[in-house]
Amino acid sequence: MTESSLRPLPGPAAELLRALDAPPRLGAHLRAVHDVAWSLTDVLGRRRPDLEFDTTAVLFGAATHDIGKVVHVAELSAPGHRHEEAGRDLLLRYGVPAHLARFAGNHGSWDAPEVTLDDLLVSLADKVWKGARVTGLEDRVVVHLGGAPWEAFLVLDDVLQGLAAGADERLAFQAAHPVAV
């Protein structure tokens, strides 16, 4: 996977990463997740045109969901959740509307009762970019897809299998970028 094979981040997200002097690894990760979110929303939108979600919000959320790792850099290479609240607060301080900043704060809380389909799609992109499949998360998305659960699962499973197939290339792309600036 080359730098040019991934879709660019939305302008405001890319500008924010530059302003924050974000580590290259973070930029690469956000770009990979954003690219998966773009494909996910595109395919779901074409296969299920009746499905209501805010593509622009999902793409911005995917492009900024881990922005708090600018503050908690250790979480770029180790597990942790401190970046979530820090990311939401950082985005709010930079004037990002709350309905968009929320993704940084809730992308790890997909099992909370109040999450929307938009929230779930950001969380899903953040898992499947590396080939991870999370049954509970996928089950929540299936409920939002509506209709017969088995048919909805088949649609989602088909989409996710295709996206997961590119995980090794995305992981290599991210690993090629240093954690430190």
C-alpha atoms as a PDB file:
ATOM      1  CA  MET A   1       0.000   0.000   0.000  1.00  0.00           C
ATOM      2  CA  THR A   2       1.417   3.350  -0.964  1.00  0.00           C
ATOM      3  CA  GLU A   3       0.770   6.787   0.450  1.00  0.00           C
ATOM      4  CA  SER A   4      -1.258   7.657  -2.645  1.00  0.00           C
ATOM      5  CA  SER A   5      -3.461   4.551  -2.560  1.00  0.00           C
ATOM      6  CA  LEU A   6      -5.270   5.749   0.574  1.00  0.00           C
ATOM      7  CA  ARG A   7      -7.828   8.496   0.327  1.00  0.00           C
ATOM      8  CA  PRO A   8      -6.687  11.773   1.869  1.00  0.00           C
ATOM      9  CA  LEU A   9      -8.073  12.911   5.192  1.00  0.00           C
ATOM     10  CA  PRO A  10     -10.769  15.586   5.124  1.00  0.00           C
ATOM     11  CA  GLY A  11      -9.126  19.030   4.962  1.00  0.00           C
ATOM     12  CA  PRO A  12     -10.055  20.148   8.494  1.00  0.00           C
ATOM     13  CA  ALA A  13      -8.729  16.893   9.992  1.00  0.00           C
ATOM     14  CA  ALA A  14      -5.461  17.112   8.052  1.00  0.00           C
ATOM     15  CA  GLU A  15      -5.024  20.765   9.066  1.00  0.00           C
ATOM     16  CA  LEU A  16      -5.620  19.891  12.706  1.00  0.00           C
ATOM     17  CA  LEU A  17      -2.999  17.127  12.608  1.00  0.00           C
ATOM     18  CA  ARG A  18      -0.486  19.602  11.140  1.00  0.00           C
ATOM     19  CA  ALA A  19      -1.339  22.260  13.723  1.00  0.00           C
ATOM     20  CA  LEU A  20      -0.851  19.740  16.531  1.00  0.00           C
ATOM     21  CA  ASP A  21       2.405  18.423  15.026  1.00  0.00           C
ATOM     22  CA  ALA A  22       0.909  14.939  15.253  1.00  0.00           C
ATOM     23  CA  PRO A  23       3.234  11.936  15.151  1.00  0.00           C
ATOM     24  CA  PRO A  24       3.473  10.376  11.666  1.00  0.00           C
ATOM     25  CA  ARG A  25       2.176   7.030  12.987  1.00  0.00           C
ATOM     26  CA  LEU A  26      -1.009   8.726  14.193  1.00  0.00           C
ATOM     27  CA  GLY A  27      -1.559  10.375  10.820  1.00  0.00           C
ATOM     28  CA  ALA A  28      -1.039   7.048   9.048  1.00  0.00           C
ATOM     29  CA  HIS A  29      -3.462   5.282  11.389  1.00  0.00           C
ATOM     30  CA  LEU A  30      -6.158   7.930  10.993  1.00  0.00           C
ATOM     31  CA  ARG A  31      -5.745   7.854   7.242  1.00  0.00           C
ATOM     32  CA  ALA A  32      -6.111   4.054   7.144  1.00  0.00           C
ATOM     33  CA  VAL A  33      -9.236   4.093   9.342  1.00  0.00           C
ATOM     34  CA  HIS A  34     -10.707   6.982   7.328  1.00  0.00           C
ATOM     35  CA  ASP A  35     -10.100   5.054   4.105  1.00  0.00           C
ATOM     36  CA  VAL A  36     -11.929   2.015   5.487  1.00  0.00           C
ATOM     37  CA  ALA A  37     -14.776   4.226   6.742  1.00  0.00           C
ATOM     38  CA  TRP A  38     -15.046   5.764   3.267  1.00  0.00           C
ATOM     39  CA  SER A  39     -15.344   2.312   1.673  1.00  0.00           C
ATOM     40  CA  LEU A  40     -17.745   1.111   4.368  1.00  0.00           C
ATOM     41  CA  THR A  41     -20.116   4.060   3.986  1.00  0.00           C
ATOM     42  CA  ASP A  42     -19.876   3.913   0.198  1.00  0.00           C
ATOM     43  CA  VAL A  43     -20.771   0.227  -0.033  1.00  0.00           C
ATOM     44  CA  LEU A  44     -23.483   0.396   2.630  1.00  0.00           C
ATOM     45  CA  GLY A  45     -24.953   3.472   0.949  1.00  0.00           C
ATOM     46  CA  ARG A  46     -25.122   1.716  -2.404  1.00  0.00           C
ATOM     47  CA  ARG A  47     -26.377  -1.619  -1.062  1.00  0.00           C
ATOM     48  CA  ARG A  48     -28.809  -0.070   1.398  1.00  0.00           C
ATOM     49  CA  PRO A  49     -29.849   3.354   0.029  1.00  0.00           C
ATOM     50  CA  ASP A  50     -32.662   3.480   2.609  1.00  0.00           C
ATOM     51  CA  LEU A  51     -30.163   3.362   5.487  1.00  0.00           C
ATOM     52  CA  GLU A  52     -29.824   6.700   7.260  1.00  0.00           C
ATOM     53  CA  PHE A  53     -26.386   7.768   8.416  1.00  0.00           C
ATOM     54  CA  ASP A  54     -24.317  10.941   8.128  1.00  0.00           C
ATOM     55  CA  THR A  55     -21.446  10.048   5.814  1.00  0.00           C
ATOM     56  CA  THR A  56     -19.630  13.341   6.391  1.00  0.00           C
ATOM     57  CA  ALA A  57     -19.788  12.909  10.172  1.00  0.00           C
ATOM     58  CA  VAL A  58     -18.647   9.273   9.993  1.00  0.00           C
ATOM     59  CA  LEU A  59     -15.694  10.202   7.782  1.00  0.00           C
ATOM     60  CA  PHE A  60     -14.666  13.087  10.037  1.00  0.00           C
ATOM     61  CA  GLY A  61     -15.059  10.833  13.077  1.00  0.00           C
ATOM     62  CA  ALA A  62     -12.868   8.151  11.527  1.00  0.00           C
ATOM     63  CA  ALA A  63     -10.278  10.780  10.565  1.00  0.00           C
ATOM     64  CA  THR A  64     -10.052  12.180  14.107  1.00  0.00           C
ATOM     65  CA  HIS A  65     -11.141   9.377  16.456  1.00  0.00           C
ATOM     66  CA  ASP A  66      -7.656   8.906  17.963  1.00  0.00           C
ATOM     67  CA  ILE A  67      -6.576  12.577  17.945  1.00  0.00           C
ATOM     68  CA  GLY A  68      -6.165  12.381  21.736  1.00  0.00           C
ATOM     69  CA  LYS A  69      -3.062  10.270  21.151  1.00  0.00           C
ATOM     70  CA  VAL A  70      -1.318  13.555  20.445  1.00  0.00           C
ATOM     71  CA  VAL A  71      -1.634  14.087  24.195  1.00  0.00           C
ATOM     72  CA  HIS A  72      -1.224  10.428  25.231  1.00  0.00           C
ATOM     73  CA  VAL A  73       1.507   9.385  22.785  1.00  0.00           C
ATOM     74  CA  ALA A  74       2.250   6.144  24.647  1.00  0.00           C
ATOM     75  CA  GLU A  75      -1.168   4.898  23.503  1.00  0.00           C
ATOM     76  CA  LEU A  76       0.111   4.848  19.919  1.00  0.00           C
ATOM     77  CA  SER A  77       1.986   1.659  20.737  1.00  0.00           C
ATOM     78  CA  ALA A  78       0.306   0.419  23.916  1.00  0.00           C
ATOM     79  CA  PRO A  79      -3.307  -0.078  24.964  1.00  0.00           C
ATOM     80  CA  GLY A  80      -5.133   2.668  26.772  1.00  0.00           C
ATOM     81  CA  HIS A  81      -8.258   4.787  26.810  1.00  0.00           C
ATOM     82  CA  ARG A  82      -7.042   8.105  28.204  1.00  0.00           C
ATOM     83  CA  HIS A  83      -6.820   9.442  24.639  1.00  0.00           C
ATOM     84  CA  GLU A  84     -10.589   9.203  24.195  1.00  0.00           C
ATOM     85  CA  GLU A  85     -11.715  11.963  26.555  1.00  0.00           C
ATOM     86  CA  ALA A  86      -8.557  13.951  25.800  1.00  0.00           C
ATOM     87  CA  GLY A  87      -9.327  13.747  22.085  1.00  0.00           C
ATOM     88  CA  ARG A  88     -12.906  14.921  22.477  1.00  0.00           C
ATOM     89  CA  ASP A  89     -11.770  17.830  24.676  1.00  0.00           C
ATOM     90  CA  LEU A  90      -8.993  18.738  22.246  1.00  0.00           C
ATOM     91  CA  LEU A  91     -11.380  18.834  19.300  1.00  0.00           C
ATOM     92  CA  LEU A  92     -13.842  20.983  21.243  1.00  0.00           C
ATOM     93  CA  ARG A  93     -11.023  23.423  22.159  1.00  0.00           C
ATOM     94  CA  TYR A  94     -10.175  23.693  18.462  1.00  0.00           C
ATOM     95  CA  GLY A  95     -13.766  24.623  17.644  1.00  0.00           C
ATOM     96  CA  VAL A  96     -14.977  21.283  16.320  1.00  0.00           C
ATOM     97  CA  PRO A  97     -18.725  20.972  16.940  1.00  0.00           C
ATOM     98  CA  ALA A  98     -19.713  18.549  19.709  1.00  0.00           C
ATOM     99  CA  HIS A  99     -21.611  16.279  17.298  1.00  0.00           C
ATOM    100  CA  LEU A 100     -18.308  15.627  15.499  1.00  0.00           C
ATOM    101  CA  ALA A 101     -15.959  15.714  18.505  1.00  0.00           C
ATOM    102  CA  ARG A 102     -17.972  12.948  20.161  1.00  0.00           C
ATOM    103  CA  PHE A 103     -16.383  10.249  17.991  1.00  0.00           C
ATOM    104  CA  ALA A 104     -12.994  10.813  19.645  1.00  0.00           C
ATOM    105  CA  GLY A 105     -14.625  10.256  23.016  1.00  0.00           C
ATOM    106  CA  ASN A 106     -16.890   7.311  22.242  1.00  0.00           C
ATOM    107  CA  HIS A 107     -15.205   5.192  19.548  1.00  0.00           C
ATOM    108  CA  GLY A 108     -14.160   2.681  22.205  1.00  0.00           C
ATOM    109  CA  SER A 109     -17.618   2.632  23.825  1.00  0.00           C
ATOM    110  CA  TRP A 110     -19.618   1.088  21.002  1.00  0.00           C
ATOM    111  CA  ASP A 111     -21.539  -1.050  23.486  1.00  0.00           C
ATOM    112  CA  ALA A 112     -23.075   1.948  25.293  1.00  0.00           C
ATOM    113  CA  PRO A 113     -26.874   2.055  24.899  1.00  0.00           C
ATOM    114  CA  GLU A 114     -26.991   5.577  23.425  1.00  0.00           C
ATOM    115  CA  VAL A 115     -24.619   5.067  20.474  1.00  0.00           C
ATOM    116  CA  THR A 116     -25.960   5.797  17.018  1.00  0.00           C
ATOM    117  CA  LEU A 117     -25.315   4.060  13.723  1.00  0.00           C
ATOM    118  CA  ASP A 118     -22.800   6.825  12.915  1.00  0.00           C
ATOM    119  CA  ASP A 119     -20.908   6.013  16.133  1.00  0.00           C
ATOM    120  CA  LEU A 120     -20.994   2.303  15.353  1.00  0.00           C
ATOM    121  CA  LEU A 121     -19.649   2.825  11.832  1.00  0.00           C
ATOM    122  CA  VAL A 122     -16.638   4.760  13.183  1.00  0.00           C
ATOM    123  CA  SER A 123     -16.001   2.006  15.745  1.00  0.00           C
ATOM    124  CA  LEU A 124     -16.396  -0.652  13.069  1.00  0.00           C
ATOM    125  CA  ALA A 125     -13.916   1.071  10.734  1.00  0.00           C
ATOM    126  CA  ASP A 126     -11.482   1.309  13.660  1.00  0.00           C
ATOM    127  CA  LYS A 127     -11.658  -2.469  14.062  1.00  0.00           C
ATOM    128  CA  VAL A 128     -11.844  -3.780  10.509  1.00  0.00           C
ATOM    129  CA  TRP A 129      -8.956  -1.603   9.203  1.00  0.00           C
ATOM    130  CA  LYS A 130      -6.652  -4.145  10.881  1.00  0.00           C
ATOM    131  CA  GLY A 131      -8.827  -7.148  10.030  1.00  0.00           C
ATOM    132  CA  ALA A 132     -10.465  -7.424  13.463  1.00  0.00           C
ATOM    133  CA  ARG A 133     -14.016  -8.700  13.588  1.00  0.00           C
ATOM    134  CA  VAL A 134     -15.987  -7.980  16.777  1.00  0.00           C
ATOM    135  CA  THR A 135     -19.213  -9.953  16.972  1.00  0.00           C
ATOM    136  CA  GLY A 136     -20.973  -7.714  19.506  1.00  0.00           C
ATOM    137  CA  LEU A 137     -20.198  -4.585  17.487  1.00  0.00           C
ATOM    138  CA  GLU A 138     -21.321  -6.192  14.256  1.00  0.00           C
ATOM    139  CA  ASP A 139     -24.527  -7.389  15.929  1.00  0.00           C
ATOM    140  CA  ARG A 140     -25.304  -3.793  16.930  1.00  0.00           C
ATOM    141  CA  VAL A 141     -24.809  -2.636  13.332  1.00  0.00           C
ATOM    142  CA  VAL A 142     -27.042  -5.443  12.050  1.00  0.00           C
ATOM    143  CA  VAL A 143     -29.859  -4.168  14.297  1.00  0.00           C
ATOM    144  CA  HIS A 144     -29.507  -0.720  12.690  1.00  0.00           C
ATOM    145  CA  LEU A 145     -29.550  -2.246   9.214  1.00  0.00           C
ATOM    146  CA  GLY A 146     -33.047  -3.497   9.940  1.00  0.00           C
ATOM    147  CA  GLY A 147     -35.043  -6.062   8.038  1.00  0.00           C
ATOM    148  CA  ALA A 148     -34.467  -9.760   8.506  1.00  0.00           C
ATOM    149  CA  PRO A 149     -31.446 -10.087  10.810  1.00  0.00           C
ATOM    150  CA  TRP A 150     -29.902 -12.932   8.823  1.00  0.00           C
ATOM    151  CA  GLU A 151     -30.094 -10.985   5.554  1.00  0.00           C
ATOM    152  CA  ALA A 152     -28.698  -7.870   7.217  1.00  0.00           C
ATOM    153  CA  PHE A 153     -25.847  -9.921   8.665  1.00  0.00           C
ATOM    154  CA  LEU A 154     -25.022 -11.361   5.239  1.00  0.00           C
ATOM    155  CA  VAL A 155     -24.814  -7.873   3.722  1.00  0.00           C
ATOM    156  CA  LEU A 156     -22.575  -6.601   6.532  1.00  0.00           C
ATOM    157  CA  ASP A 157     -20.428  -9.730   6.584  1.00  0.00           C
ATOM    158  CA  ASP A 158     -19.823  -9.490   2.844  1.00  0.00           C
ATOM    159  CA  VAL A 159     -18.763  -5.833   3.165  1.00  0.00           C
ATOM    160  CA  LEU A 160     -16.498  -6.494   6.144  1.00  0.00           C
ATOM    161  CA  GLN A 161     -14.806  -9.514   4.570  1.00  0.00           C
ATOM    162  CA  GLY A 162     -13.856  -7.388   1.595  1.00  0.00           C
ATOM    163  CA  LEU A 163     -12.523  -4.606   3.803  1.00  0.00           C
ATOM    164  CA  ALA A 164     -10.643  -6.947   6.134  1.00  0.00           C
ATOM    165  CA  ALA A 165      -8.839  -8.461   3.154  1.00  0.00           C
ATOM    166  CA  GLY A 166      -6.660  -5.339   2.870  1.00  0.00           C
ATOM    167  CA  ALA A 167      -5.644  -5.308   6.532  1.00  0.00           C
ATOM    168  CA  ASP A 168      -2.082  -6.543   6.083  1.00  0.00           C
ATOM    169  CA  GLU A 169      -1.299  -3.762   3.622  1.00  0.00           C
ATOM    170  CA  ARG A 170      -2.845  -1.126   5.909  1.00  0.00           C
ATOM    171  CA  LEU A 171      -0.934  -2.462   8.921  1.00  0.00           C
ATOM    172  CA  ALA A 172       2.321  -2.320   6.941  1.00  0.00           C
ATOM    173  CA  PHE A 173       1.499   1.230   5.819  1.00  0.00           C
ATOM    174  CA  GLN A 174       0.975   2.333   9.421  1.00  0.00           C
ATOM    175  CA  ALA A 175       4.092   0.525  10.670  1.00  0.00           C
ATOM    176  CA  ALA A 176       6.204   2.326   8.054  1.00  0.00           C
ATOM    177  CA  HIS A 177       5.539   5.617   9.882  1.00  0.00           C
ATOM    178  CA  PRO A 178       7.473   6.447  13.054  1.00  0.00           C
ATOM    179  CA  VAL A 179       5.723   6.925  16.376  1.00  0.00           C
ATOM    180  CA  ALA A 180       7.803  10.010  17.190  1.00  0.00           C
ATOM    181  CA  VAL A 181       7.818  13.246  15.218  1.00  0.00           C
END
